[in-house]
């Protein structure tokens, strides 16, 4: 591939995944992007591996789980200073590890910590970072042919863009009205954060085993400008939508807080999580952590109830892969019915109580 700006791309290899964990458990998004990293590493070929990077105070017990979910290698860095997440400590350790091992691609989950850590690391490495990706691909000869047929680029530009293992990083832009694809042409590693719920984790295989590679670090308390004294969980109502088997979502058609309360009753009855489109969030009815869509959470539940949701593209992009979509809307021409498996044309205030009754007493 040669050199670009005095950077030898041949020195960089493998796909790295930041294995984020909380309360002694790996976060689901870490396993999702580990599965995506596995796919990318196989697309890159040439013996490219997917490697999980595990930082913390006492995290050795999590390594086996990372191997079971597809990691070819686990780089483990344990230090008491890393017991609790801090920007300074984690940024220093991650940057040092990348400089030493030189991965070609570095993936983070678009969580609070991931969004905090990734730009700090990218700035220290003087490389690019794409935020909130929903799709990743490796440039190939097929992509070159696509550009020749579908773009106004000249042949030399296309050859430059497709010469080498460039990562195509796709994300929604302008409020989800279009999809933008970004490549990092001149620097390495190629870095991005990935939205939870959009990638597919591998099937867990306990037969996949490995021995973690221990990396040393010289991080000390003196490297931290801020020290975490205590962690207090917010009492604010938030949602964990990405792992829910059933999601009960509502839109402006709920009509107000009373309609939202009815939606919550449905969720309680069926054992589901409460989701919404952008409308209820903008109206101040519920916290934005419940929002489903391109600018919210992407979900893939077994059952998705869409109640009073019109079905704008920005919303359906975040839920259209659900196994079963049940839509309720008074408007028979609502776009949501185009993606629904079951369509109920009617007033949700009458339909939802009937669903609750039938669910509780199916006979």
Protein backbone atom coordinates (compact mmCIF):
# COMPACT_ATOMS: atom_id res chain seq x y z
CA UNK A 1 0.00 0.00 0.00
CA UNK A 2 2.97 2.28 0.41
CA UNK A 3 3.29 5.39 2.51
CA UNK A 4 0.89 8.25 2.94
CA UNK A 5 2.21 11.32 4.75
CA UNK A 6 5.20 9.26 5.97
CA UNK A 7 2.86 6.68 7.51
CA UNK A 8 3.52 3.10 6.44
CA UNK A 9 0.15 1.37 6.29
CA UNK A 10 1.86 -2.02 6.16
CA UNK A 11 2.85 -1.58 9.81
CA UNK A 12 -0.81 -1.67 10.85
CA UNK A 13 -2.78 -4.88 11.17
CA UNK A 14 -5.77 -6.43 12.97
CA UNK A 15 -9.13 -5.14 14.13
CA UNK A 16 -9.38 -4.01 17.76
CA UNK A 17 -12.54 -3.75 19.84
CA UNK A 18 -12.78 -1.83 23.11
CA UNK A 19 -14.39 -4.34 25.49
CA UNK A 20 -16.43 -2.08 27.73
CA UNK A 21 -17.84 -3.52 30.94
CA UNK A 22 -19.87 -2.34 33.90
CA UNK A 23 -20.57 -3.94 37.26
CA UNK A 24 -18.44 -6.94 36.34
CA UNK A 25 -20.30 -7.70 33.09
CA UNK A 26 -19.45 -7.04 29.46
CA UNK A 27 -21.81 -4.57 27.82
CA UNK A 28 -23.95 -5.98 25.06
CA UNK A 29 -22.66 -3.43 22.53
CA UNK A 30 -19.12 -4.72 23.11
CA UNK A 31 -20.21 -8.20 22.03
CA UNK A 32 -22.07 -6.75 19.04
CA UNK A 33 -19.05 -4.87 17.73
CA UNK A 34 -16.85 -7.88 18.49
CA UNK A 35 -19.05 -9.82 16.06
CA UNK A 36 -18.72 -7.03 13.50
CA UNK A 37 -14.97 -6.93 14.07
CA UNK A 38 -14.83 -10.67 13.40
CA UNK A 39 -16.61 -10.16 10.07
CA UNK A 40 -14.34 -7.29 9.06
CA UNK A 41 -11.21 -9.23 9.96
CA UNK A 42 -12.28 -12.08 7.69
CA UNK A 43 -13.09 -9.64 4.88
CA UNK A 44 -9.63 -8.11 5.22
CA UNK A 45 -8.01 -11.56 5.02
CA UNK A 46 -4.27 -12.10 5.17
CA UNK A 47 -4.38 -13.50 8.68
CA UNK A 48 -6.07 -10.40 10.13
CA UNK A 49 -7.35 -11.06 13.66
CA UNK A 50 -10.08 -9.50 15.75
CA UNK A 51 -8.71 -8.53 19.15
CA UNK A 52 -10.63 -7.41 22.23
CA UNK A 53 -8.95 -4.84 24.50
CA UNK A 54 -9.90 -5.33 28.14
CA UNK A 55 -9.00 -2.61 30.65
CA UNK A 56 -9.80 -2.52 34.35
CA UNK A 57 -8.81 -3.28 37.89
CA UNK A 58 -9.80 -6.95 38.04
CA UNK A 59 -11.12 -8.12 34.69
CA UNK A 60 -9.45 -11.49 34.01
CA UNK A 61 -12.78 -13.27 34.52
CA UNK A 62 -14.21 -11.55 31.43
CA UNK A 63 -11.59 -12.84 28.98
CA UNK A 64 -13.22 -16.26 28.51
CA UNK A 65 -16.49 -14.59 27.50
CA UNK A 66 -14.71 -12.51 24.86
CA UNK A 67 -13.10 -15.61 23.36
CA UNK A 68 -16.49 -17.38 23.37
CA UNK A 69 -17.99 -14.49 21.38
CA UNK A 70 -15.35 -14.57 18.66
CA UNK A 71 -12.18 -12.82 19.81
CA UNK A 72 -9.05 -14.29 18.24
CA UNK A 73 -6.97 -12.51 20.87
CA UNK A 74 -7.66 -10.63 24.09
CA UNK A 75 -5.26 -7.91 25.19
CA UNK A 76 -5.67 -7.43 28.93
CA UNK A 77 -4.41 -4.50 30.98
CA UNK A 78 -5.09 -4.70 34.71
CA UNK A 79 -4.18 -1.92 37.12
CA UNK A 80 -5.84 -0.60 40.30
CA UNK A 81 -5.89 2.88 38.71
CA UNK A 82 -8.25 1.48 36.05
CA UNK A 83 -10.75 0.08 38.56
CA UNK A 84 -13.16 2.92 37.78
CA UNK A 85 -13.40 4.54 34.37
CA UNK A 86 -11.59 7.88 34.04
CA UNK A 87 -10.92 9.77 30.85
CA UNK A 88 -7.26 10.41 31.65
CA UNK A 89 -6.39 6.89 32.77
CA UNK A 90 -8.14 4.99 30.01
CA UNK A 91 -7.04 7.42 27.27
CA UNK A 92 -3.39 7.07 28.27
CA UNK A 93 -3.47 3.28 28.50
CA UNK A 94 -5.41 2.81 25.26
CA UNK A 95 -3.20 5.25 23.35
CA UNK A 96 -0.02 3.56 24.57
CA UNK A 97 -1.36 0.12 23.60
CA UNK A 98 -2.31 1.28 20.09
CA UNK A 99 1.10 2.89 19.56
CA UNK A 100 2.79 -0.33 20.59
CA UNK A 101 0.68 -2.86 18.65
CA UNK A 102 -0.58 -0.72 15.72
CA UNK A 103 -4.06 -2.04 14.91
CA UNK A 104 -5.48 -1.16 11.50
CA UNK A 105 -9.02 -0.59 12.80
CA UNK A 106 -10.18 0.43 16.29
CA UNK A 107 -13.87 0.10 17.23
CA UNK A 108 -15.72 1.55 20.23
CA UNK A 109 -19.34 1.31 21.31
CA UNK A 110 -21.22 4.62 21.10
CA UNK A 111 -21.93 4.59 24.84
CA UNK A 112 -21.28 7.39 27.30
CA UNK A 113 -17.79 6.07 28.03
CA UNK A 114 -17.09 5.12 24.41
CA UNK A 115 -18.05 8.58 23.16
CA UNK A 116 -15.84 10.11 25.83
CA UNK A 117 -12.81 7.88 25.27
CA UNK A 118 -12.65 7.49 21.49
CA UNK A 119 -12.12 11.18 20.54
CA UNK A 120 -9.41 11.60 23.20
CA UNK A 121 -7.52 8.60 21.83
CA UNK A 122 -7.99 9.73 18.22
CA UNK A 123 -6.67 13.22 19.03
CA UNK A 124 -3.57 11.80 20.73
CA UNK A 125 -2.91 9.55 17.73
CA UNK A 126 -3.62 12.33 15.23
CA UNK A 127 -6.08 10.14 13.35
CA UNK A 128 -9.71 10.44 12.27
CA UNK A 129 -12.82 9.30 14.11
CA UNK A 130 -16.33 8.67 12.78
CA UNK A 131 -19.12 8.76 15.37
CA UNK A 132 -22.32 6.71 15.65
CA UNK A 133 -21.78 4.38 12.69
CA UNK A 134 -24.58 2.05 11.65
CA UNK A 135 -22.71 0.12 8.95
CA UNK A 136 -19.11 -0.83 8.21
CA UNK A 137 -17.58 -2.27 5.03
CA UNK A 138 -14.11 -2.77 3.60
CA UNK A 139 -13.41 -1.09 0.26
CA UNK A 140 -12.92 -3.63 -2.52
CA UNK A 141 -12.78 -4.00 -6.28
CA UNK A 142 -16.55 -4.25 -6.25
CA UNK A 143 -16.75 -0.87 -4.53
CA UNK A 144 -14.52 0.61 -7.24
CA UNK A 145 -16.94 -0.60 -9.92
CA UNK A 146 -19.85 0.83 -7.93
CA UNK A 147 -18.17 4.25 -7.79
CA UNK A 148 -17.47 4.21 -11.52
CA UNK A 149 -21.16 3.65 -12.24
CA UNK A 150 -22.74 5.77 -9.51
CA UNK A 151 -20.44 8.74 -8.82
CA UNK A 152 -18.90 11.69 -10.60
CA UNK A 153 -15.39 10.82 -9.42
CA UNK A 154 -12.60 10.53 -11.96
CA UNK A 155 -10.81 7.18 -12.37
CA UNK A 156 -7.61 8.31 -10.54
CA UNK A 157 -9.72 9.41 -7.57
CA UNK A 158 -11.53 6.08 -7.51
CA UNK A 159 -8.28 4.14 -7.72
CA UNK A 160 -6.88 6.10 -4.79
CA UNK A 161 -10.01 5.56 -2.73
CA UNK A 162 -10.09 1.82 -3.34
CA UNK A 163 -6.34 1.13 -3.20
CA UNK A 164 -5.94 -0.62 0.12
CA UNK A 165 -7.98 -1.70 3.10
CA UNK A 166 -10.01 1.44 3.63
CA UNK A 167 -12.91 1.14 6.05
CA UNK A 168 -16.20 2.54 4.74
CA UNK A 169 -17.97 4.00 7.77
CA UNK A 170 -21.65 4.77 7.22
CA UNK A 171 -23.83 6.85 9.54
CA UNK A 172 -27.07 8.89 9.38
CA UNK A 173 -26.58 12.61 8.74
CA UNK A 174 -28.77 15.73 8.75
CA UNK A 175 -31.20 14.30 11.25
CA UNK A 176 -31.33 10.96 9.47
CA UNK A 177 -32.49 12.40 6.15
CA UNK A 178 -29.49 10.88 4.35
CA UNK A 179 -26.71 8.36 4.94
CA UNK A 180 -23.07 9.51 4.78
CA UNK A 181 -20.11 7.22 4.12
CA UNK A 182 -16.69 8.28 5.42
CA UNK A 183 -13.22 6.87 4.82
CA UNK A 184 -9.97 7.66 6.62
CA UNK A 185 -7.49 8.04 3.76
CA UNK A 186 -4.26 9.30 5.30
CA UNK A 187 -3.94 8.06 8.88
CA UNK A 188 -4.11 4.88 10.95
CA UNK A 189 -5.74 3.39 12.85
CA UNK A 190 -9.17 3.89 11.32
CA UNK A 191 -11.42 4.61 14.29
CA UNK A 192 -15.16 4.80 14.85
CA UNK A 193 -17.87 4.46 17.44
CA UNK A 194 -20.78 2.14 16.67
CA UNK A 195 -24.35 2.64 17.77
CA UNK A 196 -25.68 -0.09 20.11
CA UNK A 197 -28.17 -2.51 18.62
CA UNK A 198 -27.17 -2.25 14.94
CA UNK A 199 -24.52 -4.98 14.68
CA UNK A 200 -24.98 -8.71 15.10
CA UNK A 201 -23.01 -10.52 17.78
CA UNK A 202 -21.77 -14.02 17.05
CA UNK A 203 -23.39 -17.07 18.58
CA UNK A 204 -21.68 -17.80 21.88
CA UNK A 205 -19.37 -20.82 21.58
CA UNK A 206 -17.81 -21.93 24.89
CA UNK A 207 -15.49 -24.21 22.93
CA UNK A 208 -13.64 -21.13 21.65
CA UNK A 209 -10.79 -20.71 24.11
CA UNK A 210 -7.65 -18.62 24.40
CA UNK A 211 -5.06 -17.17 26.73
CA UNK A 212 -5.12 -13.38 27.25
CA UNK A 213 -2.06 -11.38 26.23
CA UNK A 214 -0.99 -9.27 29.19
CA UNK A 215 0.09 -5.72 28.32
CA UNK A 216 2.01 -3.73 30.88
CA UNK A 217 1.16 -0.13 31.72
CA UNK A 218 2.91 2.58 33.69
CA UNK A 219 -0.27 4.52 34.49
CA UNK A 220 -0.38 5.91 38.04
CA UNK A 221 -2.65 8.10 40.14
CA UNK A 222 -0.48 11.05 39.11
CA UNK A 223 -1.78 10.68 35.54
CA UNK A 224 -5.34 11.40 36.68
CA UNK A 225 -6.49 14.99 36.87
CA UNK A 226 -9.87 13.82 38.15
CA UNK A 227 -10.44 11.04 40.67
CA UNK A 228 -13.71 9.14 41.00
CA UNK A 229 -14.71 9.12 44.65
CA UNK A 230 -18.05 7.40 44.25
CA UNK A 231 -20.49 6.30 41.56
CA UNK A 232 -24.12 7.26 42.13
CA UNK A 233 -26.64 5.84 39.69
CA UNK A 234 -29.22 8.29 38.43
CA UNK A 235 -32.77 7.87 39.69
CA UNK A 236 -34.03 9.27 36.36
CA UNK A 237 -36.18 6.85 34.42
CA UNK A 238 -34.11 5.48 31.55
CA UNK A 239 -34.57 2.62 29.13
CA UNK A 240 -32.48 -0.36 28.06
CA UNK A 241 -34.14 -0.98 24.72
CA UNK A 242 -31.39 -2.74 22.80
CA UNK A 243 -31.71 -6.01 24.75
CA UNK A 244 -35.51 -6.11 25.10
CA UNK A 245 -37.47 -9.01 23.56
CA UNK A 246 -40.63 -6.90 23.39
CA UNK A 247 -40.77 -3.15 22.76
CA UNK A 248 -43.97 -1.13 23.12
CA UNK A 249 -43.44 2.14 21.28
CA UNK A 250 -45.66 5.17 20.85
CA UNK A 251 -45.66 8.34 18.77
CA UNK A 252 -47.51 11.63 18.65
CA UNK A 253 -50.70 9.60 18.21
CA UNK A 254 -50.56 8.84 21.94
CA UNK A 255 -52.04 12.30 22.35
CA UNK A 256 -50.31 13.17 25.60
CA UNK A 257 -49.13 11.81 28.96
CA UNK A 258 -52.38 9.84 29.42
CA UNK A 259 -51.68 7.93 26.23
CA UNK A 260 -48.12 7.36 27.39
CA UNK A 261 -49.43 5.89 30.65
CA UNK A 262 -51.58 3.51 28.61
CA UNK A 263 -48.49 2.48 26.65
CA UNK A 264 -46.67 1.80 29.92
CA UNK A 265 -49.58 -0.41 31.01
CA UNK A 266 -49.20 -2.40 27.79
CA UNK A 267 -45.46 -2.77 28.39
CA UNK A 268 -46.05 -3.95 31.96
CA UNK A 269 -48.65 -6.48 30.79
CA UNK A 270 -46.50 -8.04 28.06
CA UNK A 271 -43.16 -7.72 29.88
CA UNK A 272 -41.74 -5.23 27.40
CA UNK A 273 -39.73 -2.00 27.36
CA UNK A 274 -41.25 1.39 26.57
CA UNK A 275 -40.03 3.09 23.41
CA UNK A 276 -41.12 6.19 21.52
CA UNK A 277 -40.57 8.02 18.27
CA UNK A 278 -39.10 11.54 18.32
CA UNK A 279 -42.45 13.27 18.85
CA UNK A 280 -43.06 12.33 22.52
CA UNK A 281 -39.45 13.24 23.37
CA UNK A 282 -39.75 16.66 21.70
CA UNK A 283 -43.03 17.23 23.56
CA UNK A 284 -41.29 16.50 26.87
CA UNK A 285 -43.45 13.50 27.73
CA UNK A 286 -40.54 11.08 28.28
CA UNK A 287 -36.74 10.89 28.49
CA UNK A 288 -34.81 10.63 25.21
CA UNK A 289 -33.25 7.31 26.29
CA UNK A 290 -36.58 5.76 25.18
CA UNK A 291 -36.31 7.05 21.61
CA UNK A 292 -36.11 4.49 18.80
CA UNK A 293 -34.77 5.44 15.39
CA UNK A 294 -31.74 6.63 13.45
CA UNK A 295 -31.04 9.34 16.02
CA UNK A 296 -32.06 7.13 18.95
CA UNK A 297 -31.67 3.43 19.70
CA UNK A 298 -31.80 0.70 17.07
CA UNK A 299 -33.77 -2.32 18.28
CA UNK A 300 -34.33 -5.88 17.04
CA UNK A 301 -36.94 -7.33 19.42
CA UNK A 302 -39.08 -10.40 18.89
CA UNK A 303 -42.22 -8.22 19.02
CA UNK A 304 -42.48 -4.48 18.32
CA UNK A 305 -45.74 -2.65 19.05
CA UNK A 306 -45.92 0.63 17.10
CA UNK A 307 -48.76 2.62 18.64
CA UNK A 308 -49.76 5.93 17.08
CA UNK A 309 -46.51 6.10 15.09
CA UNK A 310 -46.79 7.41 11.53
CA UNK A 311 -43.70 5.56 10.31
CA UNK A 312 -41.22 8.18 9.13
CA UNK A 313 -37.99 6.77 7.68
CA UNK A 314 -35.98 8.10 10.63
CA UNK A 315 -38.02 5.88 12.97
CA UNK A 316 -38.51 2.76 10.87
CA UNK A 317 -34.76 2.52 10.22
CA UNK A 318 -34.36 1.82 13.92
CA UNK A 319 -36.96 -0.96 14.26
CA UNK A 320 -37.70 -2.53 10.88
CA UNK A 321 -35.61 -5.62 11.63
CA UNK A 322 -37.90 -6.71 14.49
CA UNK A 323 -39.16 -10.30 14.11
CA UNK A 324 -42.80 -9.21 14.38
CA UNK A 325 -44.13 -5.65 14.01
CA UNK A 326 -47.67 -4.89 15.18
CA UNK A 327 -48.81 -1.41 14.15
CA UNK A 328 -51.84 0.46 15.50
CA UNK A 329 -52.91 3.66 13.78
CA UNK A 330 -56.17 5.45 12.89
CA UNK A 331 -54.76 6.37 9.47
CA UNK A 332 -55.11 3.41 7.11
CA UNK A 333 -52.49 4.98 4.83
CA UNK A 334 -49.84 5.49 7.53
CA UNK A 335 -46.35 4.51 6.25
CA UNK A 336 -45.81 2.34 9.34
CA UNK A 337 -48.12 -0.25 7.77
CA UNK A 338 -45.60 -0.72 4.95
CA UNK A 339 -43.17 -2.39 7.38
CA UNK A 340 -45.72 -3.97 9.75
CA UNK A 341 -46.46 -7.68 9.82
CA UNK A 342 -49.84 -7.01 11.45
CA UNK A 343 -51.81 -3.80 10.87
CA UNK A 344 -54.61 -2.64 13.17
CA UNK A 345 -56.53 0.38 11.89
CA UNK A 346 -58.16 1.93 14.91
CA UNK A 347 -57.96 4.18 17.95
CA UNK A 348 -55.06 3.03 20.12
CA UNK A 349 -56.94 4.14 23.24
CA UNK A 350 -59.50 1.43 22.45
CA UNK A 351 -57.19 -1.16 20.90
CA UNK A 352 -54.47 -1.23 23.58
CA UNK A 353 -56.85 -2.03 26.49
CA UNK A 354 -58.24 -4.89 24.40
CA UNK A 355 -54.72 -6.23 23.74
CA UNK A 356 -53.92 -6.03 27.46
CA UNK A 357 -57.09 -7.97 28.32
CA UNK A 358 -56.47 -10.65 25.69
CA UNK A 359 -52.79 -10.97 26.68
CA UNK A 360 -53.69 -11.54 30.32
CA UNK A 361 -56.51 -13.96 29.45
CA UNK A 362 -55.73 -15.47 26.04
CA UNK A 363 -58.62 -17.90 26.21
